């Protein structure tokens, strides 16, 4: 019974998270990673010529009937929802049966069943984030957004009332919203799923904005104000499209832009306190914020390099 569920969770992940197009480091919980590794090591055969007598089985393959590539079908969102939510539903049924199942076992075997519940069953909902991110990551053109941002002149004296054109590129996620609504007419999609989809999209967009801002070579106070204007206008429109009450990760962008205004000493402390940003993003901030002071720039770069060395130990 436990092996069958292990195989189920492994297959759902194998089939529907394999096409993830962005870094997965922040999408997996430690428990989910450990569970998937344990199942792969103990249950799945790596080579077809390995002995089946070991109790392990061959790695399965997704049917060619299932198409996860069509944008108009949101890259197989219907199939992903059926797989993930079906797995979570089954896990809940196991939860209901836990007391009964334990009553069938001798005392010395109950620990194995309890480990199954605390390790495997408990992490099934963790699959939502990486699998639905496969869809969310394709909701807009990441590369085109960064290209559009690279063309912006951040050395301006006055701030326009209109946002820059790259915001319109990001707001093409409205197409995603329309397709999601069309799909929801054909199959039930819970608020848990839609919220995670939009939270994932917000995660990608906010990190894309910081990436684009970090690539600015020169930036005036007017340019920093323009960054804030762009982000504010994006938030107003994105909130309406996504129906999220509060956009997650918004502070990730706001704090980064505000850091441009900090005096040199405070900026150095800010950099040391904010290791959630990559070294590349911090280097871009340091270079731009101290563009007129070579000595300060070199000191900040040294601080960032030391932080990176320390994190790699």
C-alpha atoms as a PDB file:
ATOM      1  CA  UNK A   1       0.000   0.000   0.000  1.00  0.00           C
ATOM      2  CA  UNK A   2       2.711   2.477   0.958  1.00  0.00           C
ATOM      3  CA  UNK A   3       4.801   1.466  -2.056  1.00  0.00           C
ATOM      4  CA  UNK A   4       1.877   2.063  -4.384  1.00  0.00           C
ATOM      5  CA  UNK A   5       1.380   5.579  -3.024  1.00  0.00           C
ATOM      6  CA  UNK A   6       5.139   6.203  -3.215  1.00  0.00           C
ATOM      7  CA  UNK A   7       5.048   5.211  -6.869  1.00  0.00           C
ATOM      8  CA  UNK A   8       2.045   7.467  -7.476  1.00  0.00           C
ATOM      9  CA  UNK A   9       3.684  10.577  -6.010  1.00  0.00           C
ATOM     10  CA  UNK A  10       6.909   9.822  -7.890  1.00  0.00           C
ATOM     11  CA  UNK A  11       5.090   9.451 -11.228  1.00  0.00           C
ATOM     12  CA  UNK A  12       3.034  12.627 -10.815  1.00  0.00           C
ATOM     13  CA  UNK A  13       6.231  14.573 -10.171  1.00  0.00           C
ATOM     14  CA  UNK A  14       8.123  12.850 -12.985  1.00  0.00           C
ATOM     15  CA  UNK A  15       5.431  13.506 -15.592  1.00  0.00           C
ATOM     16  CA  UNK A  16       4.338  17.003 -14.654  1.00  0.00           C
ATOM     17  CA  UNK A  17       7.381  18.791 -13.208  1.00  0.00           C
ATOM     18  CA  UNK A  18       9.983  17.710 -15.761  1.00  0.00           C
ATOM     19  CA  UNK A  19       9.383  20.714 -18.040  1.00  0.00           C
ATOM     20  CA  UNK A  20      10.125  23.376 -15.429  1.00  0.00           C
ATOM     21  CA  UNK A  21      11.915  26.232 -17.210  1.00  0.00           C
ATOM     22  CA  UNK A  22      13.220  28.212 -14.229  1.00  0.00           C
ATOM     23  CA  UNK A  23      15.423  27.468 -11.231  1.00  0.00           C
ATOM     24  CA  UNK A  24      13.670  25.067  -8.882  1.00  0.00           C
ATOM     25  CA  UNK A  25      15.739  25.719  -5.750  1.00  0.00           C
ATOM     26  CA  UNK A  26      13.068  27.729  -3.911  1.00  0.00           C
ATOM     27  CA  UNK A  27      10.111  25.630  -5.092  1.00  0.00           C
ATOM     28  CA  UNK A  28      10.831  22.390  -3.247  1.00  0.00           C
ATOM     29  CA  UNK A  29      10.521  21.845   0.479  1.00  0.00           C
ATOM     30  CA  UNK A  30      13.210  19.796   2.189  1.00  0.00           C
ATOM     31  CA  UNK A  31      10.619  17.131   3.002  1.00  0.00           C
ATOM     32  CA  UNK A  32       9.494  16.812  -0.627  1.00  0.00           C
ATOM     33  CA  UNK A  33      13.071  16.605  -1.907  1.00  0.00           C
ATOM     34  CA  UNK A  34      13.917  13.923   0.658  1.00  0.00           C
ATOM     35  CA  UNK A  35      10.777  11.929  -0.182  1.00  0.00           C
ATOM     36  CA  UNK A  36      11.390  11.988  -3.938  1.00  0.00           C
ATOM     37  CA  UNK A  37      15.026  10.963  -3.468  1.00  0.00           C
ATOM     38  CA  UNK A  38      14.089   8.103  -1.141  1.00  0.00           C
ATOM     39  CA  UNK A  39      11.502   6.776  -3.593  1.00  0.00           C
ATOM     40  CA  UNK A  40      13.899   7.039  -6.539  1.00  0.00           C
ATOM     41  CA  UNK A  41      16.628   5.194  -4.615  1.00  0.00           C
ATOM     42  CA  UNK A  42      14.431   2.426  -3.217  1.00  0.00           C
ATOM     43  CA  UNK A  43      11.701   1.865  -5.789  1.00  0.00           C
ATOM     44  CA  UNK A  44      12.833   2.954  -9.267  1.00  0.00           C
ATOM     45  CA  UNK A  45      15.220   1.088 -11.575  1.00  0.00           C
ATOM     46  CA  UNK A  46      17.767   3.259 -13.369  1.00  0.00           C
ATOM     47  CA  UNK A  47      18.676   0.743 -16.081  1.00  0.00           C
ATOM     48  CA  UNK A  48      16.359  -1.681 -17.936  1.00  0.00           C
ATOM     49  CA  UNK A  49      18.783  -4.566 -17.459  1.00  0.00           C
ATOM     50  CA  UNK A  50      18.705  -4.330 -13.653  1.00  0.00           C
ATOM     51  CA  UNK A  51      17.026  -7.185 -11.829  1.00  0.00           C
ATOM     52  CA  UNK A  52      13.307  -6.800 -11.098  1.00  0.00           C
ATOM     53  CA  UNK A  53      13.776  -9.146  -8.154  1.00  0.00           C
ATOM     54  CA  UNK A  54      15.043  -6.195  -6.132  1.00  0.00           C
ATOM     55  CA  UNK A  55      11.443  -5.069  -5.670  1.00  0.00           C
ATOM     56  CA  UNK A  56      12.012  -2.011  -7.808  1.00  0.00           C
ATOM     57  CA  UNK A  57      10.176  -1.076 -11.006  1.00  0.00           C
ATOM     58  CA  UNK A  58      11.055   0.596 -14.283  1.00  0.00           C
ATOM     59  CA  UNK A  59      10.668   4.337 -14.644  1.00  0.00           C
ATOM     60  CA  UNK A  60       7.362   4.985 -16.473  1.00  0.00           C
ATOM     61  CA  UNK A  61       6.861   7.221 -19.510  1.00  0.00           C
ATOM     62  CA  UNK A  62       4.120   9.761 -20.119  1.00  0.00           C
ATOM     63  CA  UNK A  63       1.657   8.792 -22.849  1.00  0.00           C
ATOM     64  CA  UNK A  64       2.133  10.627 -26.145  1.00  0.00           C
ATOM     65  CA  UNK A  65      -1.574  11.476 -26.023  1.00  0.00           C
ATOM     66  CA  UNK A  66      -0.861  13.968 -23.237  1.00  0.00           C
ATOM     67  CA  UNK A  67       0.320  17.275 -24.734  1.00  0.00           C
ATOM     68  CA  UNK A  68       1.927  19.700 -22.291  1.00  0.00           C
ATOM     69  CA  UNK A  69       3.159  22.143 -24.932  1.00  0.00           C
ATOM     70  CA  UNK A  70       0.112  24.047 -26.207  1.00  0.00           C
ATOM     71  CA  UNK A  71      -0.120  27.641 -24.877  1.00  0.00           C
ATOM     72  CA  UNK A  72      -3.843  27.832 -25.649  1.00  0.00           C
ATOM     73  CA  UNK A  73      -4.375  24.890 -23.264  1.00  0.00           C
ATOM     74  CA  UNK A  74      -2.081  26.455 -20.664  1.00  0.00           C
ATOM     75  CA  UNK A  75       0.572  23.790 -21.225  1.00  0.00           C
ATOM     76  CA  UNK A  76      -1.514  20.897 -19.980  1.00  0.00           C
ATOM     77  CA  UNK A  77      -2.902  22.620 -16.895  1.00  0.00           C
ATOM     78  CA  UNK A  78      -6.004  20.402 -16.960  1.00  0.00           C
ATOM     79  CA  UNK A  79      -3.871  17.243 -16.861  1.00  0.00           C
ATOM     80  CA  UNK A  80      -1.609  18.692 -14.158  1.00  0.00           C
ATOM     81  CA  UNK A  81      -4.591  19.659 -12.003  1.00  0.00           C
ATOM     82  CA  UNK A  82      -6.154  16.200 -12.378  1.00  0.00           C
ATOM     83  CA  UNK A  83      -2.860  14.546 -11.406  1.00  0.00           C
ATOM     84  CA  UNK A  84      -1.852  16.752  -8.473  1.00  0.00           C
ATOM     85  CA  UNK A  85      -5.285  17.312  -6.959  1.00  0.00           C
ATOM     86  CA  UNK A  86      -6.147  13.628  -7.419  1.00  0.00           C
ATOM     87  CA  UNK A  87      -3.003  12.713  -5.505  1.00  0.00           C
ATOM     88  CA  UNK A  88      -3.820  15.190  -2.725  1.00  0.00           C
ATOM     89  CA  UNK A  89      -7.380  13.841  -2.509  1.00  0.00           C
ATOM     90  CA  UNK A  90      -6.053  10.297  -2.133  1.00  0.00           C
ATOM     91  CA  UNK A  91      -3.642  11.468   0.578  1.00  0.00           C
ATOM     92  CA  UNK A  92      -6.599  12.882   2.511  1.00  0.00           C
ATOM     93  CA  UNK A  93      -8.376   9.532   2.319  1.00  0.00           C
ATOM     94  CA  UNK A  94      -5.260   7.904   3.756  1.00  0.00           C
ATOM     95  CA  UNK A  95      -5.386  10.462   6.581  1.00  0.00           C
ATOM     96  CA  UNK A  96      -8.953   9.459   7.389  1.00  0.00           C
ATOM     97  CA  UNK A  97      -7.905   5.807   7.489  1.00  0.00           C
ATOM     98  CA  UNK A  98      -4.754   6.256   9.569  1.00  0.00           C
ATOM     99  CA  UNK A  99      -6.303   5.208  12.875  1.00  0.00           C
ATOM    100  CA  UNK A 100      -7.932   2.149  11.310  1.00  0.00           C
ATOM    101  CA  UNK A 101      -4.744   1.101   9.513  1.00  0.00           C
ATOM    102  CA  UNK A 102      -2.717   1.402  12.710  1.00  0.00           C
ATOM    103  CA  UNK A 103      -5.236  -0.805  14.510  1.00  0.00           C
ATOM    104  CA  UNK A 104      -4.504  -3.598  12.029  1.00  0.00           C
ATOM    105  CA  UNK A 105      -0.767  -3.619  12.725  1.00  0.00           C
ATOM    106  CA  UNK A 106       1.222  -5.041  15.610  1.00  0.00           C
ATOM    107  CA  UNK A 107       2.832  -2.404  17.818  1.00  0.00           C
ATOM    108  CA  UNK A 108       6.350  -2.969  16.459  1.00  0.00           C
ATOM    109  CA  UNK A 109       5.190  -2.233  12.879  1.00  0.00           C
ATOM    110  CA  UNK A 110       3.258   0.948  13.594  1.00  0.00           C
ATOM    111  CA  UNK A 111       6.371   3.122  13.419  1.00  0.00           C
ATOM    112  CA  UNK A 112       6.753   2.332   9.699  1.00  0.00           C
ATOM    113  CA  UNK A 113       3.207   3.447   8.981  1.00  0.00           C
ATOM    114  CA  UNK A 114       3.637   6.588  11.083  1.00  0.00           C
ATOM    115  CA  UNK A 115       6.773   7.491   9.117  1.00  0.00           C
ATOM    116  CA  UNK A 116       4.813   7.044   5.902  1.00  0.00           C
ATOM    117  CA  UNK A 117       2.240   9.575   7.090  1.00  0.00           C
ATOM    118  CA  UNK A 118       4.701  12.128   8.482  1.00  0.00           C
ATOM    119  CA  UNK A 119       7.087  11.933   5.524  1.00  0.00           C
ATOM    120  CA  UNK A 120       5.205  10.989   2.345  1.00  0.00           C
ATOM    121  CA  UNK A 121       1.556  11.873   2.940  1.00  0.00           C
ATOM    122  CA  UNK A 122       2.487  15.172   4.608  1.00  0.00           C
ATOM    123  CA  UNK A 123       4.382  16.467   1.563  1.00  0.00           C
ATOM    124  CA  UNK A 124       1.825  15.794  -1.177  1.00  0.00           C
ATOM    125  CA  UNK A 125       0.527  19.388  -1.169  1.00  0.00           C
ATOM    126  CA  UNK A 126       4.138  20.555  -1.652  1.00  0.00           C
ATOM    127  CA  UNK A 127       3.932  19.233  -5.225  1.00  0.00           C
ATOM    128  CA  UNK A 128       1.566  22.028  -6.193  1.00  0.00           C
ATOM    129  CA  UNK A 129       4.198  24.732  -6.297  1.00  0.00           C
ATOM    130  CA  UNK A 130       6.773  23.174  -8.689  1.00  0.00           C
ATOM    131  CA  UNK A 131       4.183  21.542 -10.954  1.00  0.00           C
ATOM    132  CA  UNK A 132       1.994  24.614 -11.339  1.00  0.00           C
ATOM    133  CA  UNK A 133       5.120  26.738 -11.783  1.00  0.00           C
ATOM    134  CA  UNK A 134       5.673  24.839 -15.054  1.00  0.00           C
ATOM    135  CA  UNK A 135       2.522  26.585 -16.295  1.00  0.00           C
ATOM    136  CA  UNK A 136       3.060  29.935 -14.558  1.00  0.00           C
ATOM    137  CA  UNK A 137       6.593  30.312 -15.936  1.00  0.00           C
ATOM    138  CA  UNK A 138       5.159  30.353 -19.450  1.00  0.00           C
ATOM    139  CA  UNK A 139       2.454  32.933 -18.735  1.00  0.00           C
ATOM    140  CA  UNK A 140       4.559  35.739 -20.202  1.00  0.00           C
ATOM    141  CA  UNK A 141       7.718  36.207 -22.229  1.00  0.00           C
ATOM    142  CA  UNK A 142      10.515  36.544 -19.674  1.00  0.00           C
ATOM    143  CA  UNK A 143      13.216  37.162 -22.272  1.00  0.00           C
ATOM    144  CA  UNK A 144      11.227  39.838 -24.108  1.00  0.00           C
ATOM    145  CA  UNK A 145      10.500  41.624 -20.831  1.00  0.00           C
ATOM    146  CA  UNK A 146      14.203  41.830 -19.965  1.00  0.00           C
ATOM    147  CA  UNK A 147      15.076  43.020 -23.481  1.00  0.00           C
ATOM    148  CA  UNK A 148      12.429  45.732 -23.211  1.00  0.00           C
ATOM    149  CA  UNK A 149      13.771  46.805 -19.799  1.00  0.00           C
ATOM    150  CA  UNK A 150      17.332  46.973 -21.116  1.00  0.00           C
ATOM    151  CA  UNK A 151      16.264  49.702 -23.551  1.00  0.00           C
ATOM    152  CA  UNK A 152      14.956  52.033 -20.854  1.00  0.00           C
ATOM    153  CA  UNK A 153      16.899  55.196 -20.076  1.00  0.00           C
ATOM    154  CA  UNK A 154      17.039  55.475 -16.286  1.00  0.00           C
ATOM    155  CA  UNK A 155      19.057  58.699 -16.404  1.00  0.00           C
ATOM    156  CA  UNK A 156      16.064  61.036 -16.404  1.00  0.00           C
ATOM    157  CA  UNK A 157      15.428  64.234 -14.481  1.00  0.00           C
ATOM    158  CA  UNK A 158      11.648  64.233 -14.574  1.00  0.00           C
ATOM    159  CA  UNK A 159       9.262  61.346 -14.042  1.00  0.00           C
ATOM    160  CA  UNK A 160       6.564  60.750 -16.626  1.00  0.00           C
ATOM    161  CA  UNK A 161       3.001  60.003 -15.572  1.00  0.00           C
ATOM    162  CA  UNK A 162       2.907  56.995 -17.918  1.00  0.00           C
ATOM    163  CA  UNK A 163       4.663  53.725 -17.176  1.00  0.00           C
ATOM    164  CA  UNK A 164       7.315  52.280 -19.486  1.00  0.00           C
ATOM    165  CA  UNK A 165       6.425  49.864 -22.275  1.00  0.00           C
ATOM    166  CA  UNK A 166       7.926  46.788 -20.579  1.00  0.00           C
ATOM    167  CA  UNK A 167       5.057  46.906 -18.072  1.00  0.00           C
ATOM    168  CA  UNK A 168       2.657  46.288 -20.953  1.00  0.00           C
ATOM    169  CA  UNK A 169       4.731  43.225 -21.891  1.00  0.00           C
ATOM    170  CA  UNK A 170       4.356  41.888 -18.342  1.00  0.00           C
ATOM    171  CA  UNK A 171       0.639  42.625 -18.315  1.00  0.00           C
ATOM    172  CA  UNK A 172       0.134  40.225 -21.199  1.00  0.00           C
ATOM    173  CA  UNK A 173      -0.556  37.760 -18.402  1.00  0.00           C
ATOM    174  CA  UNK A 174      -4.136  38.886 -18.992  1.00  0.00           C
ATOM    175  CA  UNK A 175      -4.154  36.344 -21.823  1.00  0.00           C
ATOM    176  CA  UNK A 176      -3.341  33.708 -19.207  1.00  0.00           C
ATOM    177  CA  UNK A 177      -6.281  34.919 -17.094  1.00  0.00           C
ATOM    178  CA  UNK A 178      -8.670  34.581 -20.045  1.00  0.00           C
ATOM    179  CA  UNK A 179      -7.463  31.053 -20.847  1.00  0.00           C
ATOM    180  CA  UNK A 180      -7.692  30.081 -17.194  1.00  0.00           C
ATOM    181  CA  UNK A 181     -11.291  31.287 -17.080  1.00  0.00           C
ATOM    182  CA  UNK A 182     -12.106  29.315 -20.239  1.00  0.00           C
ATOM    183  CA  UNK A 183     -10.576  26.177 -18.731  1.00  0.00           C
ATOM    184  CA  UNK A 184     -12.511  26.616 -15.480  1.00  0.00           C
ATOM    185  CA  UNK A 185     -15.742  26.381 -17.492  1.00  0.00           C
ATOM    186  CA  UNK A 186     -14.741  22.876 -18.598  1.00  0.00           C
ATOM    187  CA  UNK A 187     -13.390  21.508 -15.307  1.00  0.00           C
ATOM    188  CA  UNK A 188     -13.474  22.648 -11.673  1.00  0.00           C
ATOM    189  CA  UNK A 189     -10.337  24.501 -10.589  1.00  0.00           C
ATOM    190  CA  UNK A 190     -10.148  25.203  -6.869  1.00  0.00           C
ATOM    191  CA  UNK A 191      -9.092  28.493  -5.311  1.00  0.00           C
ATOM    192  CA  UNK A 192      -6.012  26.669  -3.956  1.00  0.00           C
ATOM    193  CA  UNK A 193      -4.869  26.036  -7.525  1.00  0.00           C
ATOM    194  CA  UNK A 194      -5.648  29.502  -8.910  1.00  0.00           C
ATOM    195  CA  UNK A 195      -4.004  31.218  -5.945  1.00  0.00           C
ATOM    196  CA  UNK A 196      -0.808  29.179  -6.360  1.00  0.00           C
ATOM    197  CA  UNK A 197      -0.762  29.863 -10.100  1.00  0.00           C
ATOM    198  CA  UNK A 198      -1.019  33.622  -9.557  1.00  0.00           C
ATOM    199  CA  UNK A 199       1.433  33.558  -6.657  1.00  0.00           C
ATOM    200  CA  UNK A 200       3.911  31.732  -8.884  1.00  0.00           C
ATOM    201  CA  UNK A 201       3.398  34.288 -11.657  1.00  0.00           C
ATOM    202  CA  UNK A 202       3.905  37.120  -9.156  1.00  0.00           C
ATOM    203  CA  UNK A 203       7.094  35.407  -7.973  1.00  0.00           C
ATOM    204  CA  UNK A 204       8.508  35.276 -11.502  1.00  0.00           C
ATOM    205  CA  UNK A 205       7.495  38.831 -12.422  1.00  0.00           C
ATOM    206  CA  UNK A 206       8.877  40.438  -9.257  1.00  0.00           C
ATOM    207  CA  UNK A 207      12.182  38.613  -9.673  1.00  0.00           C
ATOM    208  CA  UNK A 208      12.244  39.593 -13.350  1.00  0.00           C
ATOM    209  CA  UNK A 209      11.788  43.248 -12.393  1.00  0.00           C
ATOM    210  CA  UNK A 210      14.687  43.114  -9.941  1.00  0.00           C
ATOM    211  CA  UNK A 211      16.777  41.397 -12.605  1.00  0.00           C
ATOM    212  CA  UNK A 212      15.969  44.180 -15.083  1.00  0.00           C
ATOM    213  CA  UNK A 213      16.594  46.965 -12.564  1.00  0.00           C
ATOM    214  CA  UNK A 214      19.935  45.415 -11.564  1.00  0.00           C
ATOM    215  CA  UNK A 215      21.139  45.633 -15.169  1.00  0.00           C
ATOM    216  CA  UNK A 216      20.784  49.439 -15.259  1.00  0.00           C
ATOM    217  CA  UNK A 217      24.286  50.852 -15.722  1.00  0.00           C
ATOM    218  CA  UNK A 218      23.389  54.388 -14.654  1.00  0.00           C
ATOM    219  CA  UNK A 219      20.387  55.695 -12.788  1.00  0.00           C
ATOM    220  CA  UNK A 220      19.402  59.123 -11.467  1.00  0.00           C
ATOM    221  CA  UNK A 221      16.944  59.890  -8.670  1.00  0.00           C
ATOM    222  CA  UNK A 222      14.418  60.468 -11.425  1.00  0.00           C
ATOM    223  CA  UNK A 223      15.165  57.015 -12.793  1.00  0.00           C
ATOM    224  CA  UNK A 224      14.630  55.435  -9.395  1.00  0.00           C
ATOM    225  CA  UNK A 225      11.327  57.255  -9.068  1.00  0.00           C
ATOM    226  CA  UNK A 226      10.425  55.934 -12.514  1.00  0.00           C
ATOM    227  CA  UNK A 227      11.130  52.382 -11.335  1.00  0.00           C
ATOM    228  CA  UNK A 228       8.735  52.944  -8.443  1.00  0.00           C
ATOM    229  CA  UNK A 229       6.095  54.405 -10.760  1.00  0.00           C
ATOM    230  CA  UNK A 230       6.363  51.441 -13.123  1.00  0.00           C
ATOM    231  CA  UNK A 231       6.009  48.948 -10.297  1.00  0.00           C
ATOM    232  CA  UNK A 232       3.107  50.797  -8.664  1.00  0.00           C
ATOM    233  CA  UNK A 233       1.147  50.923 -11.914  1.00  0.00           C
ATOM    234  CA  UNK A 234       1.929  47.271 -12.571  1.00  0.00           C
ATOM    235  CA  UNK A 235       0.602  46.307  -9.125  1.00  0.00           C
ATOM    236  CA  UNK A 236      -2.663  48.194  -9.627  1.00  0.00           C
ATOM    237  CA  UNK A 237      -3.385  46.366 -12.870  1.00  0.00           C
ATOM    238  CA  UNK A 238      -2.050  42.973 -11.797  1.00  0.00           C
ATOM    239  CA  UNK A 239      -4.248  42.972  -8.687  1.00  0.00           C
ATOM    240  CA  UNK A 240      -7.329  43.342 -10.891  1.00  0.00           C
ATOM    241  CA  UNK A 241      -6.206  40.620 -13.300  1.00  0.00           C
ATOM    242  CA  UNK A 242      -5.214  38.084 -10.644  1.00  0.00           C
ATOM    243  CA  UNK A 243      -7.816  38.900  -7.955  1.00  0.00           C
ATOM    244  CA  UNK A 244      -5.115  38.412  -5.313  1.00  0.00           C
ATOM    245  CA  UNK A 245      -5.773  40.552  -2.247  1.00  0.00           C
ATOM    246  CA  UNK A 246      -2.083  41.251  -1.786  1.00  0.00           C
ATOM    247  CA  UNK A 247       0.623  40.575  -4.336  1.00  0.00           C
ATOM    248  CA  UNK A 248       3.270  38.250  -2.864  1.00  0.00           C
ATOM    249  CA  UNK A 249       6.936  39.207  -3.179  1.00  0.00           C
ATOM    250  CA  UNK A 250       6.084  42.890  -3.743  1.00  0.00           C
ATOM    251  CA  UNK A 251       8.509  43.846  -0.954  1.00  0.00           C
ATOM    252  CA  UNK A 252      11.236  42.061  -2.899  1.00  0.00           C
ATOM    253  CA  UNK A 253      10.988  44.787  -5.552  1.00  0.00           C
ATOM    254  CA  UNK A 254      10.109  47.711  -3.275  1.00  0.00           C
ATOM    255  CA  UNK A 255      13.033  47.132  -0.908  1.00  0.00           C
ATOM    256  CA  UNK A 256      15.453  46.789  -3.805  1.00  0.00           C
ATOM    257  CA  UNK A 257      14.414  50.084  -5.417  1.00  0.00           C
ATOM    258  CA  UNK A 258      14.421  51.928  -2.071  1.00  0.00           C
ATOM    259  CA  UNK A 259      17.990  50.760  -1.467  1.00  0.00           C
ATOM    260  CA  UNK A 260      19.146  53.043  -4.289  1.00  0.00           C
ATOM    261  CA  UNK A 261      18.383  56.023  -2.041  1.00  0.00           C
ATOM    262  CA  UNK A 262      20.449  54.867   0.941  1.00  0.00           C
ATOM    263  CA  UNK A 263      23.683  56.656   1.955  1.00  0.00           C
ATOM    264  CA  UNK A 264      26.865  54.661   1.398  1.00  0.00           C
ATOM    265  CA  UNK A 265      27.246  53.410   4.990  1.00  0.00           C
ATOM    266  CA  UNK A 266      23.596  52.349   5.238  1.00  0.00           C
ATOM    267  CA  UNK A 267      23.751  50.703   1.820  1.00  0.00           C
ATOM    268  CA  UNK A 268      26.659  48.527   2.926  1.00  0.00           C
ATOM    269  CA  UNK A 269      24.672  47.388   5.975  1.00  0.00           C
ATOM    270  CA  UNK A 270      21.585  46.828   3.798  1.00  0.00           C
ATOM    271  CA  UNK A 271      23.568  44.601   1.434  1.00  0.00           C
ATOM    272  CA  UNK A 272      24.872  42.509   4.340  1.00  0.00           C
ATOM    273  CA  UNK A 273      21.344  42.107   5.713  1.00  0.00           C
ATOM    274  CA  UNK A 274      19.664  41.111   2.441  1.00  0.00           C
ATOM    275  CA  UNK A 275      21.149  37.857   1.221  1.00  0.00           C
ATOM    276  CA  UNK A 276      17.811  36.945  -0.415  1.00  0.00           C
ATOM    277  CA  UNK A 277      19.122  38.782  -3.490  1.00  0.00           C
ATOM    278  CA  UNK A 278      21.661  37.147  -5.769  1.00  0.00           C
ATOM    279  CA  UNK A 279      25.215  38.435  -5.961  1.00  0.00           C
ATOM    280  CA  UNK A 280      24.473  39.647  -9.479  1.00  0.00           C
ATOM    281  CA  UNK A 281      21.553  41.754  -8.255  1.00  0.00           C
ATOM    282  CA  UNK A 282      23.582  43.176  -5.367  1.00  0.00           C
ATOM    283  CA  UNK A 283      26.501  43.990  -7.659  1.00  0.00           C
ATOM    284  CA  UNK A 284      24.161  45.822 -10.018  1.00  0.00           C
ATOM    285  CA  UNK A 285      22.753  47.819  -7.120  1.00  0.00           C
ATOM    286  CA  UNK A 286      26.201  48.665  -5.743  1.00  0.00           C
ATOM    287  CA  UNK A 287      27.573  49.733  -9.127  1.00  0.00           C
ATOM    288  CA  UNK A 288      24.587  51.913  -9.944  1.00  0.00           C
ATOM    289  CA  UNK A 289      24.071  53.465  -6.506  1.00  0.00           C
ATOM    290  CA  UNK A 290      27.740  54.471  -6.234  1.00  0.00           C
ATOM    291  CA  UNK A 291      28.319  55.264  -9.902  1.00  0.00           C
ATOM    292  CA  UNK A 292      30.043  58.559  -9.037  1.00  0.00           C
ATOM    293  CA  UNK A 293      32.247  57.202  -6.245  1.00  0.00           C
ATOM    294  CA  UNK A 294      34.750  54.595  -7.374  1.00  0.00           C
ATOM    295  CA  UNK A 295      36.142  53.978  -3.877  1.00  0.00           C
ATOM    296  CA  UNK A 296      32.708  53.254  -2.411  1.00  0.00           C
ATOM    297  CA  UNK A 297      31.814  51.058  -5.359  1.00  0.00           C
ATOM    298  CA  UNK A 298      34.936  48.941  -4.919  1.00  0.00           C
ATOM    299  CA  UNK A 299      34.287  48.552  -1.186  1.00  0.00           C
ATOM    300  CA  UNK A 300      30.703  47.423  -1.766  1.00  0.00           C
ATOM    301  CA  UNK A 301      31.792  44.984  -4.461  1.00  0.00           C
ATOM    302  CA  UNK A 302      34.346  43.522  -2.055  1.00  0.00           C
ATOM    303  CA  UNK A 303      31.637  43.087   0.597  1.00  0.00           C
ATOM    304  CA  UNK A 304      29.411  41.237  -1.888  1.00  0.00           C
ATOM    305  CA  UNK A 305      32.238  38.980  -3.044  1.00  0.00           C
ATOM    306  CA  UNK A 306      33.054  38.089   0.571  1.00  0.00           C
ATOM    307  CA  UNK A 307      29.376  37.268   1.191  1.00  0.00           C
ATOM    308  CA  UNK A 308      29.365  34.971  -1.827  1.00  0.00           C
ATOM    309  CA  UNK A 309      32.513  33.159  -0.679  1.00  0.00           C
ATOM    310  CA  UNK A 310      31.014  32.672   2.777  1.00  0.00           C
ATOM    311  CA  UNK A 311      27.759  31.268   1.377  1.00  0.00           C
ATOM    312  CA  UNK A 312      29.686  28.673  -0.662  1.00  0.00           C
ATOM    313  CA  UNK A 313      31.470  27.214   2.355  1.00  0.00           C
END
